[in-house]
Amino acid sequence: MRDSLATTLGLLLFGALASCAIIPSNLQLVSSSADAIKITRNADCTQPPVATHPASQTTAALNPHHIALLDWNVYKGQRANWQQDFHTLLQGQDLILLQEALLSDTLQSSLDKHHLLWTLNQAFTYGDHETGVLTASRVSPLSSCGLRSTEPLIRTPKTALVQTYRIAGTTNPLLVANIHAINFSLGIEAYAKQISSLQTILARHDGPLILAGDFNDWSDARAAVVQAMVTHLHLVALPTQPDNTTQVFGHTIDHIYYHGLEAQTHHALAVSSSDHNPLLVVFRVMTIPPLPVPSAKL
């Protein structure tokens, strides 16, 4: 019954999306830069990197003792009170992972106002704006690459974005992966393939790691696929609050997983500005010694 409902919804959405969605022929990253929007078309995570961005002591870095993260499927910012909630939630965040991000003037203005850098892995153009998964940060990423998978029924892409960031006091960067998983399919073959592709990329990383997003794991079979990846990568699942986390068919579908970090505080916030509730967490790196105390001046 669950699969038949997903199929029905998928077919209904197909007609709506097909008339207004423009899908790029290849994977395409859209990102902010000093004076313009930058488009990168050769940043597929499955291909050898075209260029590297090595960390140095002068590269801006995250604070290993306090890394605040927001994860939220923003439903393309379609609800009236979205902008107000988004502005409030951005306060004090170091990393912002959005799914169904619509690159509107409103979204860009909010990110710019908070002095955040951002990269979007474009799924398609909706109206006049690119949409997909978007990750914003207070420091520049060292590297960025993306993955793209096609929904079997509605034929629109779902995307994932993988980036690394320097952490002060360590040579091992933080990897941050943002995923919007396949939703509409007759079975789990395409879903499992998407998760497996991401797992392969994450398994190459040696250092702290965060994987978050809308996993659409609304069935036991889908949840088992995600759990197998989590087990293989030795990830820790951020505890969820059933009353506030978004659930479909009794399954929580938004998750944050991590490795090499400790969650200091976390909560899910009930909102009406999206069909998903945001997740917020503050991490610290497990292997970093305390910051030295400045000596008193005589």
Protein backbone atom coordinates (compact mmCIF):
# COMPACT_ATOMS: atom_id res chain seq x y z
CA MET A 1 0.00 0.00 0.00
CA ARG A 2 2.83 2.38 0.83
CA ASP A 3 4.51 1.78 -2.52
CA SER A 4 1.23 2.24 -4.38
CA LEU A 5 0.63 5.56 -2.59
CA ALA A 6 4.14 6.75 -3.46
CA THR A 7 3.56 5.74 -7.07
CA THR A 8 0.29 7.64 -7.26
CA LEU A 9 1.81 10.78 -5.77
CA GLY A 10 4.78 10.51 -8.10
CA LEU A 11 2.59 10.31 -11.19
CA LEU A 12 0.55 13.30 -10.05
CA LEU A 13 3.68 15.35 -9.48
CA PHE A 14 5.11 14.36 -12.85
CA GLY A 15 2.55 16.36 -14.77
CA ALA A 16 3.06 19.44 -12.61
CA LEU A 17 6.85 19.35 -12.74
CA ALA A 18 7.20 18.44 -16.40
CA SER A 19 5.54 21.67 -17.49
CA CYS A 20 7.78 24.01 -15.47
CA ALA A 21 11.08 22.21 -14.71
CA ILE A 22 14.20 22.68 -16.83
CA ILE A 23 16.81 20.01 -16.09
CA PRO A 24 20.48 20.74 -16.86
CA SER A 25 22.11 18.13 -19.07
CA ASN A 26 25.02 17.68 -16.67
CA LEU A 27 25.71 18.10 -12.98
CA GLN A 28 26.04 21.78 -12.19
CA LEU A 29 27.18 23.57 -9.03
CA VAL A 30 26.09 27.18 -8.49
CA SER A 31 27.96 29.12 -5.82
CA SER A 32 28.51 32.59 -4.42
CA SER A 33 31.71 34.47 -5.12
CA ALA A 34 33.09 37.91 -4.39
CA ASP A 35 31.13 39.78 -7.06
CA ALA A 36 29.02 37.27 -9.01
CA ILE A 37 27.42 33.83 -9.08
CA LYS A 38 29.83 31.12 -10.19
CA ILE A 39 28.78 28.00 -12.13
CA THR A 40 30.93 24.86 -12.08
CA ARG A 41 30.14 22.01 -14.46
CA ASN A 42 33.02 19.61 -13.78
CA ALA A 43 32.59 18.78 -10.10
CA ASP A 44 31.08 15.29 -10.12
CA CYS A 45 32.22 13.41 -6.99
CA THR A 46 32.58 10.20 -9.00
CA GLN A 47 35.25 11.77 -11.25
CA PRO A 48 38.88 12.54 -10.38
CA PRO A 49 39.13 16.08 -8.95
CA VAL A 50 40.08 18.73 -11.49
CA ALA A 51 41.74 20.91 -8.86
CA THR A 52 42.57 20.74 -5.17
CA HIS A 53 42.25 23.39 -2.51
CA PRO A 54 44.76 22.44 0.21
CA ALA A 55 44.25 23.81 3.69
CA SER A 56 46.85 26.18 5.09
CA GLN A 57 47.31 28.08 8.29
CA THR A 58 45.85 31.18 6.64
CA THR A 59 42.67 29.46 5.43
CA ALA A 60 39.59 30.44 7.45
CA ALA A 61 38.67 27.60 9.77
CA LEU A 62 35.81 26.30 11.88
CA ASN A 63 36.09 26.41 15.67
CA PRO A 64 36.67 22.79 16.78
CA HIS A 65 34.89 23.42 20.07
CA HIS A 66 31.70 24.87 18.60
CA ILE A 67 30.31 23.99 15.15
CA ALA A 68 26.64 24.99 14.94
CA LEU A 69 24.63 23.35 12.16
CA LEU A 70 21.11 23.79 10.77
CA ASP A 71 19.55 21.09 8.56
CA TRP A 72 16.21 21.89 6.90
CA ASN A 73 14.12 20.98 3.87
CA VAL A 74 12.70 24.43 3.17
CA TYR A 75 9.95 23.40 0.71
CA LYS A 76 11.26 25.93 -1.85
CA GLY A 77 10.34 28.75 0.54
CA GLN A 78 6.74 28.58 -0.62
CA ARG A 79 5.00 29.36 2.66
CA ALA A 80 4.25 32.92 3.73
CA ASN A 81 6.19 32.94 7.00
CA TRP A 82 9.28 31.17 5.66
CA GLN A 83 11.54 34.22 5.35
CA GLN A 84 11.02 35.26 8.97
CA ASP A 85 11.76 31.78 10.33
CA PHE A 86 14.78 31.40 8.06
CA HIS A 87 16.26 34.70 9.22
CA THR A 88 15.84 33.65 12.85
CA LEU A 89 17.29 30.17 12.32
CA LEU A 90 20.39 31.51 10.56
CA GLN A 91 21.50 33.33 13.70
CA GLY A 92 24.77 31.87 14.98
CA GLN A 93 24.96 28.96 12.53
CA ASP A 94 28.31 27.89 11.07
CA LEU A 95 26.88 25.40 8.58
CA ILE A 96 23.43 25.48 6.96
CA LEU A 97 22.26 22.46 4.96
CA LEU A 98 19.10 23.03 2.94
CA GLN A 99 17.08 20.69 0.75
CA GLU A 100 14.55 21.96 -1.81
CA ALA A 101 16.39 25.27 -1.76
CA LEU A 102 15.03 27.66 -4.38
CA LEU A 103 17.73 30.16 -5.32
CA SER A 104 15.43 33.17 -5.16
CA ASP A 105 16.43 36.76 -4.46
CA THR A 106 14.95 36.33 -0.99
CA LEU A 107 17.12 33.32 -0.17
CA GLN A 108 20.28 34.92 -1.52
CA SER A 109 19.57 38.16 0.32
CA SER A 110 19.12 36.32 3.62
CA LEU A 111 22.40 34.42 3.18
CA ASP A 112 24.26 37.57 2.15
CA LYS A 113 22.88 39.49 5.12
CA HIS A 114 24.41 36.89 7.43
CA HIS A 115 27.72 36.94 5.50
CA LEU A 116 27.37 33.31 4.47
CA LEU A 117 29.04 31.63 1.52
CA TRP A 118 26.93 29.07 -0.32
CA THR A 119 26.96 26.36 -2.98
CA LEU A 120 23.92 24.73 -4.61
CA ASN A 121 23.95 21.43 -6.52
CA GLN A 122 21.23 22.16 -9.05
CA ALA A 123 18.52 19.56 -9.55
CA PHE A 124 16.49 21.65 -12.00
CA THR A 125 15.27 25.16 -12.70
CA TYR A 126 11.84 25.85 -11.23
CA GLY A 127 10.31 28.95 -12.76
CA ASP A 128 13.27 31.30 -13.14
CA HIS A 129 15.32 29.93 -10.25
CA GLU A 130 17.67 27.00 -9.70
CA THR A 131 16.66 24.52 -7.02
CA GLY A 132 18.43 21.66 -5.28
CA VAL A 133 20.49 21.02 -2.16
CA LEU A 134 22.35 24.05 -0.85
CA THR A 135 25.04 24.27 1.81
CA ALA A 136 26.05 27.62 3.29
CA SER A 137 28.91 28.32 5.67
CA ARG A 138 30.79 31.04 7.51
CA VAL A 139 34.12 29.85 6.09
CA SER A 140 35.05 28.92 2.54
CA PRO A 141 34.96 25.22 1.68
CA LEU A 142 38.26 23.61 0.72
CA SER A 143 36.54 21.48 -1.93
CA SER A 144 33.10 20.92 -3.40
CA CYS A 145 31.61 18.17 -5.53
CA GLY A 146 28.16 16.78 -6.25
CA LEU A 147 26.14 13.70 -7.08
CA ARG A 148 22.92 13.54 -9.06
CA SER A 149 20.34 10.73 -9.27
CA THR A 150 17.14 10.62 -11.31
CA GLU A 151 13.76 9.94 -9.76
CA PRO A 152 12.52 6.74 -11.50
CA LEU A 153 8.92 7.91 -11.88
CA ILE A 154 8.89 11.69 -12.21
CA ARG A 155 12.33 11.82 -13.95
CA THR A 156 13.57 14.88 -12.07
CA PRO A 157 16.96 14.70 -10.34
CA LYS A 158 17.70 14.46 -6.65
CA THR A 159 21.09 15.81 -5.64
CA ALA A 160 23.77 15.54 -2.98
CA LEU A 161 26.56 18.01 -2.21
CA VAL A 162 29.87 17.04 -0.58
CA GLN A 163 32.23 19.69 0.78
CA THR A 164 35.24 19.87 3.09
CA TYR A 165 36.19 22.58 5.57
CA ARG A 166 39.32 23.38 7.52
CA ILE A 167 39.10 22.96 11.31
CA ALA A 168 41.43 25.08 13.44
CA GLY A 169 44.20 23.07 15.06
CA THR A 170 44.02 19.98 12.86
CA THR A 171 45.17 18.89 9.42
CA ASN A 172 42.12 16.63 8.92
CA PRO A 173 39.30 18.62 7.33
CA LEU A 174 35.63 18.21 8.16
CA LEU A 175 33.58 16.59 5.40
CA VAL A 176 29.96 17.76 5.18
CA ALA A 177 27.50 15.90 2.94
CA ASN A 178 24.02 17.24 2.20
CA ILE A 179 21.52 14.87 0.55
CA HIS A 180 17.97 14.96 -0.79
CA ALA A 181 17.18 11.31 -1.44
CA ILE A 182 14.98 9.75 -4.10
CA ASN A 183 11.35 9.75 -3.05
CA PHE A 184 9.13 8.13 -5.70
CA SER A 185 10.01 4.63 -6.91
CA LEU A 186 8.32 1.27 -7.37
CA GLY A 187 11.06 -0.52 -5.40
CA ILE A 188 14.27 0.44 -3.67
CA GLU A 189 16.80 -0.29 -6.43
CA ALA A 190 17.30 3.33 -7.49
CA TYR A 191 17.19 4.49 -3.88
CA ALA A 192 19.83 1.96 -2.80
CA LYS A 193 22.04 2.94 -5.76
CA GLN A 194 21.92 6.61 -4.76
CA ILE A 195 22.82 5.82 -1.15
CA SER A 196 25.58 3.44 -2.26
CA SER A 197 27.13 6.09 -4.52
CA LEU A 198 27.26 8.55 -1.64
CA GLN A 199 28.64 5.90 0.72
CA THR A 200 31.53 5.24 -1.69
CA ILE A 201 32.50 8.92 -1.64
CA LEU A 202 32.24 9.25 2.14
CA ALA A 203 34.28 6.10 2.77
CA ARG A 204 37.32 7.78 1.19
CA HIS A 205 37.42 10.52 3.81
CA ASP A 206 39.83 10.30 6.74
CA GLY A 207 38.61 12.72 9.37
CA PRO A 208 35.46 14.07 11.02
CA LEU A 209 32.30 13.78 8.97
CA ILE A 210 28.71 15.04 8.96
CA LEU A 211 25.99 13.56 6.74
CA ALA A 212 22.59 15.24 6.89
CA GLY A 213 19.48 15.86 4.87
CA ASP A 214 16.10 14.59 3.78
CA PHE A 215 16.62 10.84 3.33
CA ASN A 216 13.00 10.01 2.38
CA ASP A 217 13.46 6.71 4.21
CA TRP A 218 9.73 6.33 4.78
CA SER A 219 9.62 2.53 4.60
CA ASP A 220 11.33 -0.28 6.49
CA ALA A 221 13.23 -1.27 3.34
CA ARG A 222 14.54 2.25 2.76
CA ALA A 223 15.45 2.66 6.43
CA ALA A 224 17.42 -0.58 6.22
CA VAL A 225 19.44 0.78 3.28
CA VAL A 226 20.35 3.90 5.24
CA GLN A 227 21.17 1.92 8.37
CA ALA A 228 23.50 -0.35 6.40
CA MET A 229 25.43 2.72 5.21
CA VAL A 230 25.55 4.17 8.71
CA THR A 231 26.90 0.91 10.09
CA HIS A 232 29.49 0.55 7.31
CA LEU A 233 30.81 4.08 7.84
CA HIS A 234 30.70 3.84 11.67
CA LEU A 235 28.46 6.89 11.91
CA VAL A 236 26.51 8.03 14.97
CA ALA A 237 22.87 9.00 14.55
CA LEU A 238 21.78 12.24 16.16
CA PRO A 239 18.92 11.34 18.54
CA THR A 240 15.54 12.53 17.29
CA GLN A 241 12.50 13.97 19.01
CA PRO A 242 9.46 12.09 17.64
CA ASP A 243 7.05 14.92 18.39
CA ASN A 244 8.98 17.47 16.33
CA THR A 245 10.79 15.53 13.62
CA THR A 246 9.08 15.15 10.27
CA GLN A 247 7.59 11.68 9.81
CA VAL A 248 6.06 9.83 6.86
CA PHE A 249 4.32 6.48 7.40
CA GLY A 250 5.65 6.53 10.97
CA HIS A 251 9.30 6.92 9.85
CA THR A 252 11.46 9.94 10.60
CA ILE A 253 12.91 11.09 7.27
CA ASP A 254 15.27 13.95 8.22
CA HIS A 255 18.52 12.81 9.82
CA ILE A 256 21.95 13.97 10.91
CA TYR A 257 24.75 11.39 11.15
CA TYR A 258 28.32 12.09 12.21
CA HIS A 259 31.76 10.65 12.95
CA GLY A 260 34.70 12.04 14.93
CA LEU A 261 32.47 14.61 16.63
CA GLU A 262 30.39 14.97 19.78
CA ALA A 263 26.91 16.51 19.79
CA GLN A 264 26.79 19.03 22.62
CA THR A 265 23.22 20.25 22.12
CA HIS A 266 20.53 19.34 19.61
CA HIS A 267 16.83 19.77 19.00
CA ALA A 268 14.12 19.68 16.34
CA LEU A 269 12.02 22.82 16.05
CA ALA A 270 8.33 22.70 15.17
CA VAL A 271 7.51 25.25 12.44
CA SER A 272 4.68 25.98 10.01
CA SER A 273 6.94 27.60 7.40
CA SER A 274 7.81 24.29 5.66
CA ASP A 275 6.48 20.76 5.42
CA HIS A 276 9.65 19.68 7.27
CA ASN A 277 10.84 20.76 10.70
CA PRO A 278 14.44 22.00 11.01
CA LEU A 279 17.11 20.15 12.99
CA LEU A 280 19.73 22.10 14.94
CA VAL A 281 22.89 20.76 16.56
CA VAL A 282 26.14 22.07 18.03
CA PHE A 283 29.17 19.80 17.59
CA ARG A 284 32.67 19.72 18.98
CA VAL A 285 35.58 17.80 17.51
CA MET A 286 36.54 14.87 19.69
CA THR A 287 40.32 14.87 19.26
CA ILE A 288 41.15 18.58 19.58
CA PRO A 289 42.85 19.72 22.83
CA PRO A 290 41.46 22.77 24.68
CA LEU A 291 42.40 26.17 23.33
CA PRO A 292 45.29 27.72 25.23
CA VAL A 293 44.45 30.41 27.78
CA PRO A 294 46.08 33.73 26.82
CA SER A 295 48.75 34.82 29.29
CA ALA A 296 48.07 37.97 31.24
CA LYS A 297 49.92 41.07 30.10
CA LEU A 298 52.18 42.70 32.67
